[in-house]
C-alpha atoms as a PDB file:
ATOM      1  CA  MET A   1       0.358  -0.027  -0.135  1.00  0.00           C
ATOM      2  CA  ILE A   2       1.662   3.753  -0.973  1.00  0.00           C
ATOM      3  CA  SER A   3       1.220   5.831   1.926  1.00  0.00           C
ATOM      4  CA  TYR A   4       1.582   9.891   1.795  1.00  0.00           C
ATOM      5  CA  LYS A   5       2.524  10.500   5.473  1.00  0.00           C
ATOM      6  CA  PRO A   6       5.990  11.066   4.607  1.00  0.00           C
ATOM      7  CA  PHE A   7       4.506  14.530   2.134  1.00  0.00           C
ATOM      8  CA  TYR A   8       2.291  15.887   5.091  1.00  0.00           C
ATOM      9  CA  GLU A   9       6.151  14.976   7.498  1.00  0.00           C
ATOM     10  CA  THR A  10       7.465  17.147   4.550  1.00  0.00           C
ATOM     11  CA  LEU A  11       5.048  19.662   4.019  1.00  0.00           C
ATOM     12  CA  PHE A  12       5.440  20.280   8.052  1.00  0.00           C
ATOM     13  CA  LYS A  13       9.019  20.493   8.597  1.00  0.00           C
ATOM     14  CA  LYS A  14       9.652  23.544   5.158  1.00  0.00           C
ATOM     15  CA  GLY A  15       6.605  25.189   6.539  1.00  0.00           C
ATOM     16  CA  VAL A  16       4.632  24.739   3.839  1.00  0.00           C
ATOM     17  CA  THR A  17       0.982  25.397   3.959  1.00  0.00           C
ATOM     18  CA  GLU A  18      -1.563  22.895   0.961  1.00  0.00           C
ATOM     19  CA  TYR A  19      -3.350  27.046   0.601  1.00  0.00           C
ATOM     20  CA  TYR A  20       0.213  27.419  -0.645  1.00  0.00           C
ATOM     21  CA  LEU A  21       0.611  24.534  -2.980  1.00  0.00           C
ATOM     22  CA  ILE A  22      -3.285  25.026  -4.441  1.00  0.00           C
ATOM     23  CA  PHE A  23      -3.289  29.238  -4.922  1.00  0.00           C
ATOM     24  CA  LYS A  24       0.588  30.045  -5.320  1.00  0.00           C
ATOM     25  CA  GLN A  25       1.574  26.520  -6.803  1.00  0.00           C
ATOM     26  CA  GLY A  26      -1.358  25.662  -9.221  1.00  0.00           C
ATOM     27  CA  PHE A  27      -2.354  22.200  -7.434  1.00  0.00           C
ATOM     28  CA  SER A  28      -5.149  21.409  -7.628  1.00  0.00           C
ATOM     29  CA  ALA A  29      -7.626  20.332  -4.445  1.00  0.00           C
ATOM     30  CA  ASN A  30      -8.315  17.604  -5.839  1.00  0.00           C
ATOM     31  CA  THR A  31      -4.733  16.047  -5.625  1.00  0.00           C
ATOM     32  CA  ILE A  32      -4.771  16.795  -2.218  1.00  0.00           C
ATOM     33  CA  TYR A  33      -8.079  15.657  -1.272  1.00  0.00           C
ATOM     34  CA  ARG A  34      -7.068  12.651  -3.319  1.00  0.00           C
ATOM     35  CA  ILE A  35      -3.546  12.457  -1.090  1.00  0.00           C
ATOM     36  CA  LYS A  36      -5.477  12.951   2.161  1.00  0.00           C
ATOM     37  CA  LYS A  37      -7.983   9.710   1.402  1.00  0.00           C
ATOM     38  CA  GLY A  38      -5.201   7.672   0.047  1.00  0.00           C
ATOM     39  CA  GLU A  39      -5.783   7.716  -3.807  1.00  0.00           C
ATOM     40  CA  ALA A  40      -3.725   6.854  -6.333  1.00  0.00           C
ATOM     41  CA  ILE A  41      -2.405  10.077  -8.239  1.00  0.00           C
ATOM     42  CA  SER A  42      -0.115  10.863 -11.336  1.00  0.00           C
ATOM     43  CA  THR A  43       3.917  10.172 -11.336  1.00  0.00           C
ATOM     44  CA  LYS A  44       3.450  13.852 -13.423  1.00  0.00           C
ATOM     45  CA  THR A  45       2.464  14.559 -10.359  1.00  0.00           C
ATOM     46  CA  LEU A  46       4.573  14.128  -8.067  1.00  0.00           C
ATOM     47  CA  ASP A  47       7.237  15.107  -9.778  1.00  0.00           C
ATOM     48  CA  ALA A  48       5.069  18.087 -10.125  1.00  0.00           C
ATOM     49  CA  LEU A  49       5.695  18.160  -5.962  1.00  0.00           C
ATOM     50  CA  CYS A  50       8.873  16.825  -6.171  1.00  0.00           C
ATOM     51  CA  TYR A  51       9.978  20.262  -8.084  1.00  0.00           C
ATOM     52  CA  ALA A  52       7.514  22.529  -6.294  1.00  0.00           C
ATOM     53  CA  LEU A  53       8.901  21.236  -2.468  1.00  0.00           C
ATOM     54  CA  ASP A  54      12.723  20.345  -3.597  1.00  0.00           C
ATOM     55  CA  CYS A  55      12.761  16.465  -2.203  1.00  0.00           C
ATOM     56  CA  ASP A  56      13.349  13.624  -3.009  1.00  0.00           C
ATOM     57  CA  ILE A  57       9.542  10.909  -4.220  1.00  0.00           C
ATOM     58  CA  SER A  58      10.387   9.553  -0.552  1.00  0.00           C
ATOM     59  CA  ASP A  59       9.560  12.325   0.848  1.00  0.00           C
ATOM     60  CA  ILE A  60       6.469  12.187   0.001  1.00  0.00           C
ATOM     61  CA  ILE A  61       4.912   9.041  -0.501  1.00  0.00           C
ATOM     62  CA  GLU A  62       6.369   5.188   0.965  1.00  0.00           C
ATOM     63  CA  PHE A  63       5.143   1.553   0.437  1.00  0.00           C
ATOM     64  CA  VAL A  64       4.545   0.318   3.310  1.00  0.00           C
ATOM     65  CA  LYS A  65       3.331  -3.911   3.523  1.00  0.00           C
ATOM     66  CA  GLU A  66      -0.277  -4.991   4.955  1.00  0.00           C
END
């Protein structure tokens, strides 16, 4: 299972809000909603998040065995 727990930890560490991602970086509110609900997002979106947050993919998602 893919977890977005590192995403929220990265936001906290960098002092970035969801508001900033939506209104300043241009991410859709639907993307943030999908992350909150643990739903799939595209690799293109993951790439854009890595760029916007200046981080690695492991700072956004992690694989958790069930």
